[in-house]
C-alpha cells in the first residue's frame, strides 16, 4: 500500500479506490445516507468521475477502508484545483462503524494528504480565501455529530448556505426580457460559451474557482442534468451568452423526499449584463419549465452572503429557505 494512504485506524484495511470499487463505494454512501438523510449525496456517476480525474489522481487522493469480509466501511477523498489555496475534503463512515474513531482517523488522513498536495504544488498568490493553505469540509446543519468532530479538530465555520424551495402550485412570475436580449435553449454547441460565461460570472463569488473542461464536461453530461429544463440569455447583436440557468433532477431524491424537484444547479449573469433583469427572467423560465415537466417545487442553493443580491431575488420570487449547510475551514 502506498505510504501516503496510511490511515491511523488499524481495524480496517486501507487502499486507494479504483473504477471497480465504485459500486461498493456508492453502496457505502447510500447506506449512510439512509440513516443520516442528507439533502444530497454522491452517486456512482459522481464517484466514477473522481476515480477518472486527472487533477486528483485516485491512487493518492482517495482511500477506502475495508473490513475482514471485504465490505467497504469508510472512505475519504481530497479534491484540489491547480494553484488553488483551498483543498476540499470528503468522507463517509458506515453507520455501524461510527463512534469508533474512524471519522477522526479519516480527518487526520485528509489533513495530511492536503498538506502534501500543497507541498507538491503551492497555492498561487492572490487565491481566494486567504494566503494560508486550508482544508474545507462542507456539512449540513443537521449533522451535529460531524460538526463536533470538526470543531474539536480546530475547524471553524466560514460560510453559511441556504437550500431554498419554491412551490410550483403558486402563480408564476413573468419573464419579459429587456430589448436586445433573447431567451434560448442550451445545446452542445453552447457548452463552452456557457462555461466561459460561468467563470466570468462567478469570479467575484466567495469560494468559487474556475471550471476547467474536465469538470464542466462532467457537469453538462451528468446523468441528472436536464438540458430541457435549462436555458441561456443571449445578446441579440453579438450572440454572446449574457446569462444561463443549468437545471437538474434527481429521481432518487424525489422518491426519498416525496417531492419532485427541479433543481437550479447553476445560475449566473455576466458582470456587464447585470441589472437588466436577466436572472429573474431565467428563473421565471425555469419555473415554467419545471411546472410543465411535472415538478412539485423549484429548488436551489445560495450563499447567504452572495454579493449579487441573489438571496433577495430568490425571496422576492417566492423561494424560502428549508435547510442550511456550512463550510468549515482549517488552516494547514
Protein backbone atom coordinates (compact mmCIF):
# COMPACT_ATOMS: atom_id res chain seq x y z
CA UNK A 1 0.00 0.00 0.00
CA UNK A 2 1.17 3.50 -0.84
CA UNK A 3 2.59 5.09 2.32
CA UNK A 4 0.59 8.25 1.67
CA UNK A 5 -2.63 6.27 2.12
CA UNK A 6 -1.99 5.10 5.69
CA UNK A 7 -4.94 5.84 7.96
CA UNK A 8 -4.48 5.72 11.71
CA UNK A 9 -7.18 3.13 12.33
CA UNK A 10 -5.97 -0.48 12.27
CA UNK A 11 -9.43 -2.08 12.38
CA UNK A 12 -9.85 -1.74 8.62
CA UNK A 13 -7.68 -2.49 5.60
CA UNK A 14 -6.94 0.71 3.67
CA UNK A 15 -6.24 1.21 -0.02
CA UNK A 16 -6.92 3.64 -2.84
CA UNK A 17 -10.15 3.46 -4.82
CA UNK A 18 -10.30 2.15 -8.38
CA UNK A 19 -13.04 2.08 -11.00
CA UNK A 20 -14.03 -1.42 -9.88
CA UNK A 21 -14.68 -0.06 -6.36
CA UNK A 22 -17.31 2.44 -7.49
CA UNK A 23 -20.39 0.21 -6.87
CA UNK A 24 -19.26 -0.73 -3.34
CA UNK A 25 -18.24 2.86 -2.61
CA UNK A 26 -21.62 4.15 -3.78
CA UNK A 27 -23.36 1.48 -1.68
CA UNK A 28 -21.46 2.68 1.42
CA UNK A 29 -22.58 6.26 0.86
CA UNK A 30 -26.17 5.16 0.20
CA UNK A 31 -26.23 3.09 3.43
CA UNK A 32 -25.03 6.08 5.37
CA UNK A 33 -27.49 8.42 3.64
CA UNK A 34 -30.38 6.11 4.56
CA UNK A 35 -29.57 6.79 8.23
CA UNK A 36 -28.36 10.40 8.12
CA UNK A 37 -30.85 11.71 5.50
CA UNK A 38 -28.66 14.30 3.76
CA UNK A 39 -30.25 16.62 1.25
CA UNK A 40 -27.86 15.29 -1.41
CA UNK A 41 -25.19 12.63 -1.60
CA UNK A 42 -22.77 11.31 -4.19
CA UNK A 43 -23.86 8.54 -6.54
CA UNK A 44 -21.94 6.12 -8.70
CA UNK A 45 -21.59 8.65 -11.55
CA UNK A 46 -20.04 11.21 -9.21
CA UNK A 47 -17.58 8.69 -7.78
CA UNK A 48 -16.64 7.44 -11.23
CA UNK A 49 -15.62 10.98 -12.11
CA UNK A 50 -13.33 11.02 -9.06
CA UNK A 51 -11.54 7.80 -9.97
CA UNK A 52 -11.08 9.02 -13.55
CA UNK A 53 -9.86 12.50 -12.57
CA UNK A 54 -6.58 13.78 -13.97
CA UNK A 55 -6.36 16.69 -11.49
CA UNK A 56 -6.87 14.48 -8.45
CA UNK A 57 -5.48 11.03 -9.26
CA UNK A 58 -7.27 8.43 -7.14
CA UNK A 59 -4.08 6.49 -6.35
CA UNK A 60 -3.04 9.20 -3.87
CA UNK A 61 -6.22 11.21 -3.29
CA UNK A 62 -8.76 8.56 -2.34
CA UNK A 63 -8.82 5.94 0.38
CA UNK A 64 -11.24 3.14 1.22
CA UNK A 65 -11.43 1.15 4.45
CA UNK A 66 -12.47 -2.50 4.05
CA UNK A 67 -13.45 -4.91 6.84
CA UNK A 68 -12.33 -8.53 7.13
CA UNK A 69 -15.08 -9.61 4.74
CA UNK A 70 -14.00 -7.08 2.11
CA UNK A 71 -17.01 -4.79 2.68
CA UNK A 72 -16.27 -1.08 2.22
CA UNK A 73 -16.92 0.60 5.57
CA UNK A 74 -15.26 4.01 5.21
CA UNK A 75 -13.99 6.36 2.53
CA UNK A 76 -12.29 9.72 2.06
CA UNK A 77 -11.03 11.80 -0.82
CA UNK A 78 -9.25 15.06 -1.45
CA UNK A 79 -10.02 17.45 -4.30
CA UNK A 80 -7.94 20.49 -5.24
CA UNK A 81 -7.72 22.60 -8.37
CA UNK A 82 -4.23 23.52 -9.59
CA UNK A 83 -2.95 26.64 -7.81
CA UNK A 84 -5.98 26.87 -5.51
CA UNK A 85 -5.46 27.92 -1.91
CA UNK A 86 -8.20 25.59 -0.66
CA UNK A 87 -8.41 21.81 -0.80
CA UNK A 88 -11.78 20.14 -0.29
CA UNK A 89 -12.24 17.05 1.85
CA UNK A 90 -14.98 14.44 1.69
CA UNK A 91 -15.53 11.43 3.91
CA UNK A 92 -18.05 8.77 4.87
CA UNK A 93 -18.23 6.15 7.64
CA UNK A 94 -20.67 3.25 7.67
CA UNK A 95 -23.29 3.81 10.44
CA UNK A 96 -22.27 0.52 12.06
CA UNK A 97 -18.65 1.70 12.29
CA UNK A 98 -19.26 5.19 13.64
CA UNK A 99 -18.17 6.28 17.13
CA UNK A 100 -15.10 4.04 16.99
CA UNK A 101 -12.60 6.68 15.91
CA UNK A 102 -12.83 6.02 12.18
CA UNK A 103 -14.04 9.54 11.37
CA UNK A 104 -11.20 11.13 13.33
CA UNK A 105 -8.68 8.87 11.58
CA UNK A 106 -10.05 9.83 8.17
CA UNK A 107 -9.92 13.51 9.09
CA UNK A 108 -6.27 13.09 10.02
CA UNK A 109 -5.59 11.46 6.66
CA UNK A 110 -7.40 14.25 4.82
CA UNK A 111 -5.32 16.91 6.54
CA UNK A 112 -2.03 15.11 5.94
CA UNK A 113 -2.83 14.48 2.28
CA UNK A 114 -3.88 18.12 1.85
CA UNK A 115 -0.55 19.26 3.31
CA UNK A 116 1.25 17.01 0.84
CA UNK A 117 -0.76 18.46 -2.05
CA UNK A 118 0.23 21.99 -1.10
CA UNK A 119 3.88 20.94 -0.65
CA UNK A 120 3.84 19.38 -4.11
CA UNK A 121 2.21 22.46 -5.67
CA UNK A 122 1.98 25.65 -3.55
CA UNK A 123 -1.06 27.87 -3.82
CA UNK A 124 -0.86 30.67 -6.34
CA UNK A 125 -0.60 34.16 -4.87
CA UNK A 126 -3.83 36.05 -4.67
CA UNK A 127 -6.05 32.96 -4.48
CA UNK A 128 -9.48 33.42 -2.90
CA UNK A 129 -9.92 32.56 0.75
CA UNK A 130 -6.64 33.94 2.12
CA UNK A 131 -2.96 33.16 1.70
CA UNK A 132 -2.63 30.21 4.07
CA UNK A 133 -3.42 26.80 2.55
CA UNK A 134 -6.58 25.39 4.04
CA UNK A 135 -8.80 22.35 4.04
CA UNK A 136 -12.54 22.93 3.62
CA UNK A 137 -15.30 20.50 4.51
CA UNK A 138 -19.00 21.13 3.89
CA UNK A 139 -21.63 19.88 6.33
CA UNK A 140 -25.36 20.16 6.60
CA UNK A 141 -26.55 21.82 9.80
CA UNK A 142 -28.42 18.69 10.88
CA UNK A 143 -25.25 16.60 11.12
CA UNK A 144 -24.19 17.79 14.56
CA UNK A 145 -22.02 14.75 15.34
CA UNK A 146 -19.76 15.58 12.40
CA UNK A 147 -19.73 19.23 13.42
CA UNK A 148 -18.49 18.28 16.88
CA UNK A 149 -15.62 16.32 15.32
CA UNK A 150 -14.58 19.26 13.13
CA UNK A 151 -14.81 21.75 15.96
CA UNK A 152 -12.66 19.56 18.22
CA UNK A 153 -10.08 19.31 15.43
CA UNK A 154 -9.74 23.09 15.08
CA UNK A 155 -12.15 23.85 12.22
CA UNK A 156 -14.33 26.95 12.17
CA UNK A 157 -17.44 27.87 10.18
CA UNK A 158 -16.55 30.38 7.47
CA UNK A 159 -19.76 30.49 5.43
CA UNK A 160 -23.43 29.54 5.50
CA UNK A 161 -25.51 28.33 2.57
CA UNK A 162 -29.28 28.03 2.23
CA UNK A 163 -31.23 25.40 0.33
CA UNK A 164 -34.36 27.16 -0.93
CA UNK A 165 -37.65 25.79 -2.26
CA UNK A 166 -40.39 27.45 -4.25
CA UNK A 167 -43.74 25.58 -4.58
CA UNK A 168 -44.91 25.38 -8.17
CA UNK A 169 -48.62 25.44 -7.37
CA UNK A 170 -48.38 29.20 -6.83
CA UNK A 171 -48.85 31.79 -9.60
CA UNK A 172 -45.77 32.00 -11.81
CA UNK A 173 -44.00 35.33 -12.48
CA UNK A 174 -43.49 36.83 -15.91
CA UNK A 175 -40.18 36.62 -17.73
CA UNK A 176 -40.06 39.63 -20.03
CA UNK A 177 -36.53 40.48 -21.15
CA UNK A 178 -35.19 43.90 -21.99
CA UNK A 179 -34.61 44.79 -25.63
CA UNK A 180 -31.54 43.31 -27.30
CA UNK A 181 -31.72 40.11 -25.25
CA UNK A 182 -33.34 36.78 -26.05
CA UNK A 183 -34.00 33.52 -24.27
CA UNK A 184 -32.79 30.29 -25.86
CA UNK A 185 -32.33 26.63 -25.08
CA UNK A 186 -28.95 25.07 -24.36
CA UNK A 187 -27.37 22.61 -26.75
CA UNK A 188 -23.87 21.11 -27.01
CA UNK A 189 -22.86 23.97 -29.30
CA UNK A 190 -23.21 26.38 -26.36
CA UNK A 191 -21.48 24.31 -23.68
CA UNK A 192 -18.10 26.01 -23.99
CA UNK A 193 -19.58 29.50 -24.24
CA UNK A 194 -21.62 28.88 -21.09
CA UNK A 195 -18.51 27.58 -19.29
CA UNK A 196 -16.67 30.80 -20.13
CA UNK A 197 -19.67 32.86 -19.04
CA UNK A 198 -19.88 30.91 -15.79
CA UNK A 199 -16.23 31.51 -14.93
CA UNK A 200 -16.64 35.22 -15.58
CA UNK A 201 -19.94 35.43 -13.67
CA UNK A 202 -18.57 33.71 -10.57
CA UNK A 203 -15.20 35.43 -10.48
CA UNK A 204 -16.37 37.64 -7.60
CA UNK A 205 -18.18 34.88 -5.65
CA UNK A 206 -16.72 33.63 -2.38
CA UNK A 207 -15.05 30.24 -2.65
CA UNK A 208 -15.70 29.89 -6.37
CA UNK A 209 -12.95 28.50 -8.58
CA UNK A 210 -12.85 28.42 -12.40
CA UNK A 211 -14.37 25.33 -14.00
CA UNK A 212 -11.99 23.64 -16.41
CA UNK A 213 -13.08 21.49 -19.34
CA UNK A 214 -12.84 18.27 -17.32
CA UNK A 215 -15.21 19.37 -14.56
CA UNK A 216 -17.52 21.23 -16.95
CA UNK A 217 -17.93 18.22 -19.23
CA UNK A 218 -18.97 16.21 -16.19
CA UNK A 219 -21.46 18.91 -15.16
CA UNK A 220 -23.26 19.18 -18.50
CA UNK A 221 -23.18 15.42 -19.16
CA UNK A 222 -24.15 14.30 -15.64
CA UNK A 223 -26.94 11.68 -15.61
CA UNK A 224 -29.12 14.08 -13.62
CA UNK A 225 -28.53 17.06 -15.92
CA UNK A 226 -31.68 18.32 -17.63
CA UNK A 227 -30.88 20.48 -20.65
CA UNK A 228 -34.60 20.59 -21.42
CA UNK A 229 -35.11 22.47 -18.15
CA UNK A 230 -32.13 24.79 -18.74
CA UNK A 231 -31.76 27.99 -20.74
CA UNK A 232 -29.47 30.86 -21.69
CA UNK A 233 -30.00 34.53 -22.39
CA UNK A 234 -28.14 35.71 -25.49
CA UNK A 235 -27.15 39.18 -26.62
CA UNK A 236 -29.14 39.52 -29.85
CA UNK A 237 -26.43 41.53 -31.56
CA UNK A 238 -23.29 39.60 -30.62
CA UNK A 239 -24.81 36.17 -29.74
CA UNK A 240 -22.75 36.31 -26.57
CA UNK A 241 -24.05 34.37 -23.54
CA UNK A 242 -25.27 37.03 -21.11
CA UNK A 243 -26.67 34.64 -18.52
CA UNK A 244 -27.56 30.98 -18.03
CA UNK A 245 -29.57 28.60 -15.87
CA UNK A 246 -28.46 24.95 -15.71
CA UNK A 247 -31.01 22.58 -14.20
CA UNK A 248 -31.03 19.01 -12.95
CA UNK A 249 -33.46 16.49 -11.49
CA UNK A 250 -32.67 13.63 -9.12
CA UNK A 251 -35.37 10.91 -9.35
CA UNK A 252 -33.96 9.02 -6.34
CA UNK A 253 -34.24 12.08 -4.11
CA UNK A 254 -37.80 12.53 -5.40
CA UNK A 255 -38.67 9.09 -4.01
CA UNK A 256 -36.89 9.68 -0.69
CA UNK A 257 -38.23 13.18 -0.03
CA UNK A 258 -41.64 12.65 -1.56
CA UNK A 259 -41.41 15.69 -3.84
CA UNK A 260 -40.20 16.12 -7.39
CA UNK A 261 -37.64 18.93 -7.51
CA UNK A 262 -36.50 20.92 -10.46
CA UNK A 263 -33.08 22.00 -9.21
CA UNK A 264 -31.22 25.05 -10.50
CA UNK A 265 -27.66 23.77 -10.45
CA UNK A 266 -26.06 27.00 -11.66
CA UNK A 267 -27.41 30.46 -12.35
CA UNK A 268 -25.18 33.31 -13.45
CA UNK A 269 -25.15 36.64 -15.23
CA UNK A 270 -22.02 38.25 -16.65
CA UNK A 271 -20.99 41.50 -15.00
CA UNK A 272 -21.64 43.74 -17.98
CA UNK A 273 -25.22 42.44 -18.28
CA UNK A 274 -26.23 42.72 -14.62
CA UNK A 275 -29.10 44.96 -13.62
CA UNK A 276 -31.18 44.12 -16.71
CA UNK A 277 -33.50 41.51 -15.17
CA UNK A 278 -31.71 38.52 -16.72
CA UNK A 279 -31.54 36.39 -13.57
CA UNK A 280 -35.23 36.98 -12.87
CA UNK A 281 -36.16 36.08 -16.46
CA UNK A 282 -34.09 32.88 -16.31
CA UNK A 283 -35.67 31.86 -13.00
CA UNK A 284 -39.18 32.60 -14.28
CA UNK A 285 -38.44 30.50 -17.35
CA UNK A 286 -37.11 27.70 -15.13
CA UNK A 287 -40.28 27.75 -13.01
CA UNK A 288 -42.38 27.32 -16.13
CA UNK A 289 -40.18 24.51 -17.45
CA UNK A 290 -40.26 22.74 -14.08
CA UNK A 291 -44.05 23.05 -13.89
CA UNK A 292 -44.52 21.70 -17.41
CA UNK A 293 -42.26 18.75 -16.53
CA UNK A 294 -44.46 17.80 -13.58
CA UNK A 295 -42.22 19.02 -10.76
CA UNK A 296 -43.66 19.94 -7.37
CA UNK A 297 -41.06 22.51 -6.30
CA UNK A 298 -38.22 24.53 -7.71
CA UNK A 299 -35.06 24.40 -5.60
CA UNK A 300 -31.59 25.90 -5.48
CA UNK A 301 -28.74 26.64 -3.09
CA UNK A 302 -27.38 30.09 -2.37
CA UNK A 303 -24.50 31.58 -0.43
CA UNK A 304 -26.12 33.54 2.41
CA UNK A 305 -23.73 36.43 1.70
CA UNK A 306 -23.86 36.31 -2.09
CA UNK A 307 -22.54 39.67 -3.36
CA UNK A 308 -25.01 39.96 -6.24
CA UNK A 309 -28.12 40.15 -4.07
CA UNK A 310 -29.28 36.70 -5.20
CA UNK A 311 -30.87 35.85 -1.85
CA UNK A 312 -33.16 38.87 -2.05
CA UNK A 313 -34.14 37.99 -5.63
CA UNK A 314 -34.99 34.39 -4.74
CA UNK A 315 -37.06 35.52 -1.75
CA UNK A 316 -38.91 38.02 -3.94
CA UNK A 317 -39.76 35.22 -6.38
CA UNK A 318 -41.24 33.02 -3.67
CA UNK A 319 -38.29 30.85 -2.64
CA UNK A 320 -37.96 30.05 1.06
CA UNK A 321 -35.04 28.55 2.99
CA UNK A 322 -35.64 24.95 4.07
CA UNK A 323 -32.15 23.75 5.02
CA UNK A 324 -28.80 25.24 5.99
CA UNK A 325 -25.28 23.98 5.36
CA UNK A 326 -21.91 25.33 6.41
CA UNK A 327 -18.38 25.47 5.07
CA UNK A 328 -15.81 24.57 7.77
CA UNK A 329 -12.18 25.60 7.26
CA UNK A 330 -8.90 24.76 8.92
CA UNK A 331 -5.65 26.49 8.02
CA UNK A 332 -2.90 23.94 7.46
